[in-house]
């Protein structure tokens, strides 16, 4: 579930400020990937290690990590010395990919859903605004790779 708050400053589409609030699960996913990206290449990190370092409940983290494994972001190693490591370089993983893996497609308003488009879209004056905001938001998320986030620290 996404909560998306919008404040339009002036009447111009170019002057839009946005704020996104992630679910807790989405936040945990971003934190877990950032943790793994900080590790030396090939280092396997346990769920407990990631959980302790990033303040994420381990049972919840295990579910998030399985989602990342299915999407090919992480590799898992089974057994006593098992855990997770990144499967791709941090330069090739975008914030959008991480968030959509956990949260699903980014749709800031239900009228923009591709599977069930709004029947009022043709006469709705707000629909073009939502489309611009969503397009800009997705572009911004695509611009941030995990490496870029870590380099900003």
C-alpha atoms as a PDB file:
ATOM      1  CA  UNK A   1       0.000   0.000   0.000  1.00  0.00           C
ATOM      2  CA  UNK A   2       1.291   3.432  -0.961  1.00  0.00           C
ATOM      3  CA  UNK A   3       0.387   6.656   0.718  1.00  0.00           C
ATOM      4  CA  UNK A   4       1.154   9.563  -1.535  1.00  0.00           C
ATOM      5  CA  UNK A   5       0.707  13.163  -0.449  1.00  0.00           C
ATOM      6  CA  UNK A   6       0.783  15.997  -2.946  1.00  0.00           C
ATOM      7  CA  UNK A   7       0.918  19.728  -2.427  1.00  0.00           C
ATOM      8  CA  UNK A   8       0.579  21.846  -5.547  1.00  0.00           C
ATOM      9  CA  UNK A   9       2.420  25.141  -5.212  1.00  0.00           C
ATOM     10  CA  UNK A  10       0.885  27.677  -7.625  1.00  0.00           C
ATOM     11  CA  UNK A  11      -1.228  26.477 -10.501  1.00  0.00           C
ATOM     12  CA  UNK A  12       1.649  25.219 -12.621  1.00  0.00           C
ATOM     13  CA  UNK A  13       2.286  21.524 -13.252  1.00  0.00           C
ATOM     14  CA  UNK A  14       6.007  22.254 -13.130  1.00  0.00           C
ATOM     15  CA  UNK A  15       5.842  23.499  -9.544  1.00  0.00           C
ATOM     16  CA  UNK A  16       4.759  20.302  -7.788  1.00  0.00           C
ATOM     17  CA  UNK A  17       6.270  19.083  -4.537  1.00  0.00           C
ATOM     18  CA  UNK A  18       5.649  15.492  -3.573  1.00  0.00           C
ATOM     19  CA  UNK A  19       6.216  13.295  -0.567  1.00  0.00           C
ATOM     20  CA  UNK A  20       5.969   9.527  -0.571  1.00  0.00           C
ATOM     21  CA  UNK A  21       5.484   7.449   2.525  1.00  0.00           C
ATOM     22  CA  UNK A  22       6.664   3.852   2.127  1.00  0.00           C
ATOM     23  CA  UNK A  23       5.137   0.983   4.020  1.00  0.00           C
ATOM     24  CA  UNK A  24       7.335  -0.461   6.729  1.00  0.00           C
ATOM     25  CA  UNK A  25       8.002  -3.476   4.503  1.00  0.00           C
ATOM     26  CA  UNK A  26       9.247  -1.199   1.696  1.00  0.00           C
ATOM     27  CA  UNK A  27      11.525   0.653   4.085  1.00  0.00           C
ATOM     28  CA  UNK A  28      12.936  -2.629   5.399  1.00  0.00           C
ATOM     29  CA  UNK A  29      13.619  -3.768   1.848  1.00  0.00           C
ATOM     30  CA  UNK A  30      15.563  -0.627   0.985  1.00  0.00           C
ATOM     31  CA  UNK A  31      17.575  -0.881   4.224  1.00  0.00           C
ATOM     32  CA  UNK A  32      18.417  -4.553   3.594  1.00  0.00           C
ATOM     33  CA  UNK A  33      19.666  -3.923   0.049  1.00  0.00           C
ATOM     34  CA  UNK A  34      21.728  -0.931   1.219  1.00  0.00           C
ATOM     35  CA  UNK A  35      23.302  -3.091   3.931  1.00  0.00           C
ATOM     36  CA  UNK A  36      24.257  -5.818   1.466  1.00  0.00           C
ATOM     37  CA  UNK A  37      25.656  -3.227  -0.942  1.00  0.00           C
ATOM     38  CA  UNK A  38      28.024  -1.974   1.782  1.00  0.00           C
ATOM     39  CA  UNK A  39      29.559  -5.429   2.237  1.00  0.00           C
ATOM     40  CA  UNK A  40      32.720  -6.549   0.451  1.00  0.00           C
ATOM     41  CA  UNK A  41      32.006  -8.438  -2.797  1.00  0.00           C
ATOM     42  CA  UNK A  42      31.165 -12.092  -2.142  1.00  0.00           C
ATOM     43  CA  UNK A  43      30.551 -11.636   1.591  1.00  0.00           C
ATOM     44  CA  UNK A  44      27.537 -13.628   2.769  1.00  0.00           C
ATOM     45  CA  UNK A  45      25.428 -11.906   5.434  1.00  0.00           C
ATOM     46  CA  UNK A  46      22.984 -13.793   7.616  1.00  0.00           C
ATOM     47  CA  UNK A  47      19.424 -12.648   8.195  1.00  0.00           C
ATOM     48  CA  UNK A  48      20.325 -12.103  11.853  1.00  0.00           C
ATOM     49  CA  UNK A  49      23.333  -9.966  10.937  1.00  0.00           C
ATOM     50  CA  UNK A  50      21.271  -7.781   8.571  1.00  0.00           C
ATOM     51  CA  UNK A  51      18.380  -7.680  11.031  1.00  0.00           C
ATOM     52  CA  UNK A  52      20.581  -6.561  13.937  1.00  0.00           C
ATOM     53  CA  UNK A  53      22.510  -3.996  11.901  1.00  0.00           C
ATOM     54  CA  UNK A  54      19.471  -2.436  10.218  1.00  0.00           C
ATOM     55  CA  UNK A  55      16.898  -2.825  13.023  1.00  0.00           C
ATOM     56  CA  UNK A  56      14.581  -5.065  10.998  1.00  0.00           C
ATOM     57  CA  UNK A  57      12.585  -7.926  12.581  1.00  0.00           C
ATOM     58  CA  UNK A  58      14.273 -11.119  11.360  1.00  0.00           C
ATOM     59  CA  UNK A  59      11.058 -12.986  10.512  1.00  0.00           C
ATOM     60  CA  UNK A  60       9.943 -10.072   8.369  1.00  0.00           C
ATOM     61  CA  UNK A  61      13.368  -9.712   6.786  1.00  0.00           C
ATOM     62  CA  UNK A  62      13.419 -13.369   5.747  1.00  0.00           C
ATOM     63  CA  UNK A  63      10.239 -12.810   3.691  1.00  0.00           C
ATOM     64  CA  UNK A  64      11.674  -9.651   2.095  1.00  0.00           C
ATOM     65  CA  UNK A  65      14.897 -11.462   1.198  1.00  0.00           C
ATOM     66  CA  UNK A  66      12.949 -14.252  -0.522  1.00  0.00           C
ATOM     67  CA  UNK A  67      11.233 -11.628  -2.680  1.00  0.00           C
ATOM     68  CA  UNK A  68      14.625 -10.144  -3.594  1.00  0.00           C
ATOM     69  CA  UNK A  69      15.979 -13.603  -4.397  1.00  0.00           C
ATOM     70  CA  UNK A  70      13.072 -14.302  -6.761  1.00  0.00           C
ATOM     71  CA  UNK A  71      13.742 -10.996  -8.565  1.00  0.00           C
ATOM     72  CA  UNK A  72      17.463 -11.732  -8.871  1.00  0.00           C
ATOM     73  CA  UNK A  73      18.771  -8.954  -6.607  1.00  0.00           C
ATOM     74  CA  UNK A  74      20.316 -11.336  -4.087  1.00  0.00           C
ATOM     75  CA  UNK A  75      21.826 -14.791  -4.042  1.00  0.00           C
ATOM     76  CA  UNK A  76      21.233 -17.079  -1.118  1.00  0.00           C
ATOM     77  CA  UNK A  77      23.633 -19.588   0.334  1.00  0.00           C
ATOM     78  CA  UNK A  78      22.085 -22.431   2.322  1.00  0.00           C
ATOM     79  CA  UNK A  79      23.523 -24.172   5.345  1.00  0.00           C
ATOM     80  CA  UNK A  80      25.360 -23.242   8.518  1.00  0.00           C
ATOM     81  CA  UNK A  81      27.398 -20.494   6.876  1.00  0.00           C
ATOM     82  CA  UNK A  82      24.417 -19.430   4.775  1.00  0.00           C
ATOM     83  CA  UNK A  83      22.940 -16.044   4.146  1.00  0.00           C
ATOM     84  CA  UNK A  84      22.590 -13.496   1.380  1.00  0.00           C
ATOM     85  CA  UNK A  85      24.733 -11.374  -0.889  1.00  0.00           C
ATOM     86  CA  UNK A  86      23.979  -9.063  -3.781  1.00  0.00           C
ATOM     87  CA  UNK A  87      23.606 -10.828  -7.118  1.00  0.00           C
ATOM     88  CA  UNK A  88      24.055  -7.636  -9.130  1.00  0.00           C
ATOM     89  CA  UNK A  89      26.356  -4.659  -8.745  1.00  0.00           C
ATOM     90  CA  UNK A  90      24.855  -1.764  -6.726  1.00  0.00           C
ATOM     91  CA  UNK A  91      25.247   0.419  -9.828  1.00  0.00           C
ATOM     92  CA  UNK A  92      22.674  -1.706 -11.661  1.00  0.00           C
ATOM     93  CA  UNK A  93      19.939  -1.767  -8.991  1.00  0.00           C
ATOM     94  CA  UNK A  94      17.607   1.222  -8.913  1.00  0.00           C
ATOM     95  CA  UNK A  95      15.563   2.435  -6.007  1.00  0.00           C
ATOM     96  CA  UNK A  96      12.471   1.930  -8.146  1.00  0.00           C
ATOM     97  CA  UNK A  97      13.292  -1.763  -8.684  1.00  0.00           C
ATOM     98  CA  UNK A  98      13.791  -2.331  -4.962  1.00  0.00           C
ATOM     99  CA  UNK A  99      10.582  -0.547  -3.993  1.00  0.00           C
ATOM    100  CA  UNK A 100       8.447  -2.174  -6.696  1.00  0.00           C
ATOM    101  CA  UNK A 101       9.739  -5.614  -5.733  1.00  0.00           C
ATOM    102  CA  UNK A 102       8.310  -5.111  -2.264  1.00  0.00           C
ATOM    103  CA  UNK A 103       5.396  -2.733  -2.853  1.00  0.00           C
ATOM    104  CA  UNK A 104       4.266  -3.641  -6.370  1.00  0.00           C
ATOM    105  CA  UNK A 105       3.804  -1.207  -9.255  1.00  0.00           C
ATOM    106  CA  UNK A 106       3.957   2.464  -8.379  1.00  0.00           C
ATOM    107  CA  UNK A 107       0.548   3.970  -8.941  1.00  0.00           C
ATOM    108  CA  UNK A 108       0.102   7.189  -7.010  1.00  0.00           C
ATOM    109  CA  UNK A 109      -3.649   7.246  -7.552  1.00  0.00           C
ATOM    110  CA  UNK A 110      -6.061   4.401  -8.202  1.00  0.00           C
ATOM    111  CA  UNK A 111      -7.163   6.110 -11.413  1.00  0.00           C
ATOM    112  CA  UNK A 112      -3.739   5.326 -12.906  1.00  0.00           C
ATOM    113  CA  UNK A 113      -3.925   1.562 -12.390  1.00  0.00           C
ATOM    114  CA  UNK A 114      -3.204  -0.236 -15.638  1.00  0.00           C
ATOM    115  CA  UNK A 115      -5.260  -3.314 -14.766  1.00  0.00           C
ATOM    116  CA  UNK A 116      -8.399  -1.398 -13.805  1.00  0.00           C
ATOM    117  CA  UNK A 117      -8.357   2.064 -15.376  1.00  0.00           C
ATOM    118  CA  UNK A 118     -10.728   4.683 -14.051  1.00  0.00           C
ATOM    119  CA  UNK A 119     -13.955   5.060 -15.975  1.00  0.00           C
ATOM    120  CA  UNK A 120     -13.899   8.830 -15.320  1.00  0.00           C
ATOM    121  CA  UNK A 121     -10.445   9.421 -16.774  1.00  0.00           C
ATOM    122  CA  UNK A 122     -11.684  11.131 -19.970  1.00  0.00           C
ATOM    123  CA  UNK A 123     -13.631  13.831 -18.120  1.00  0.00           C
ATOM    124  CA  UNK A 124     -11.380  14.116 -15.056  1.00  0.00           C
ATOM    125  CA  UNK A 125      -9.329  17.309 -14.956  1.00  0.00           C
ATOM    126  CA  UNK A 126      -6.999  15.872 -12.275  1.00  0.00           C
ATOM    127  CA  UNK A 127      -5.933  12.798 -14.283  1.00  0.00           C
ATOM    128  CA  UNK A 128      -3.305  14.649 -16.381  1.00  0.00           C
ATOM    129  CA  UNK A 129      -1.810  16.085 -13.187  1.00  0.00           C
ATOM    130  CA  UNK A 130      -1.552  12.645 -11.583  1.00  0.00           C
ATOM    131  CA  UNK A 131       0.053  11.272 -14.753  1.00  0.00           C
ATOM    132  CA  UNK A 132       2.736  13.987 -14.761  1.00  0.00           C
ATOM    133  CA  UNK A 133       3.452  13.527 -11.058  1.00  0.00           C
ATOM    134  CA  UNK A 134       3.677   9.755 -11.396  1.00  0.00           C
ATOM    135  CA  UNK A 135       5.942   9.952 -14.461  1.00  0.00           C
ATOM    136  CA  UNK A 136       8.283  12.410 -12.680  1.00  0.00           C
ATOM    137  CA  UNK A 137       8.294  10.348  -9.512  1.00  0.00           C
ATOM    138  CA  UNK A 138       9.170   7.133 -11.342  1.00  0.00           C
ATOM    139  CA  UNK A 139      11.920   8.957 -13.253  1.00  0.00           C
ATOM    140  CA  UNK A 140      13.376  10.185  -9.955  1.00  0.00           C
ATOM    141  CA  UNK A 141      13.344   6.674  -8.463  1.00  0.00           C
ATOM    142  CA  UNK A 142      15.017   5.300 -11.602  1.00  0.00           C
ATOM    143  CA  UNK A 143      17.748   7.951 -11.308  1.00  0.00           C
ATOM    144  CA  UNK A 144      18.844   6.634  -7.902  1.00  0.00           C
ATOM    145  CA  UNK A 145      20.905   3.475  -7.976  1.00  0.00           C
ATOM    146  CA  UNK A 146      21.923   1.783  -4.755  1.00  0.00           C
ATOM    147  CA  UNK A 147      25.520   2.875  -5.457  1.00  0.00           C
ATOM    148  CA  UNK A 148      24.443   6.505  -5.908  1.00  0.00           C
ATOM    149  CA  UNK A 149      22.636   6.423  -2.542  1.00  0.00           C
ATOM    150  CA  UNK A 150      25.686   4.964  -0.796  1.00  0.00           C
ATOM    151  CA  UNK A 151      28.018   7.471  -2.462  1.00  0.00           C
ATOM    152  CA  UNK A 152      25.901  10.307  -1.042  1.00  0.00           C
ATOM    153  CA  UNK A 153      26.646   9.182   2.552  1.00  0.00           C
END
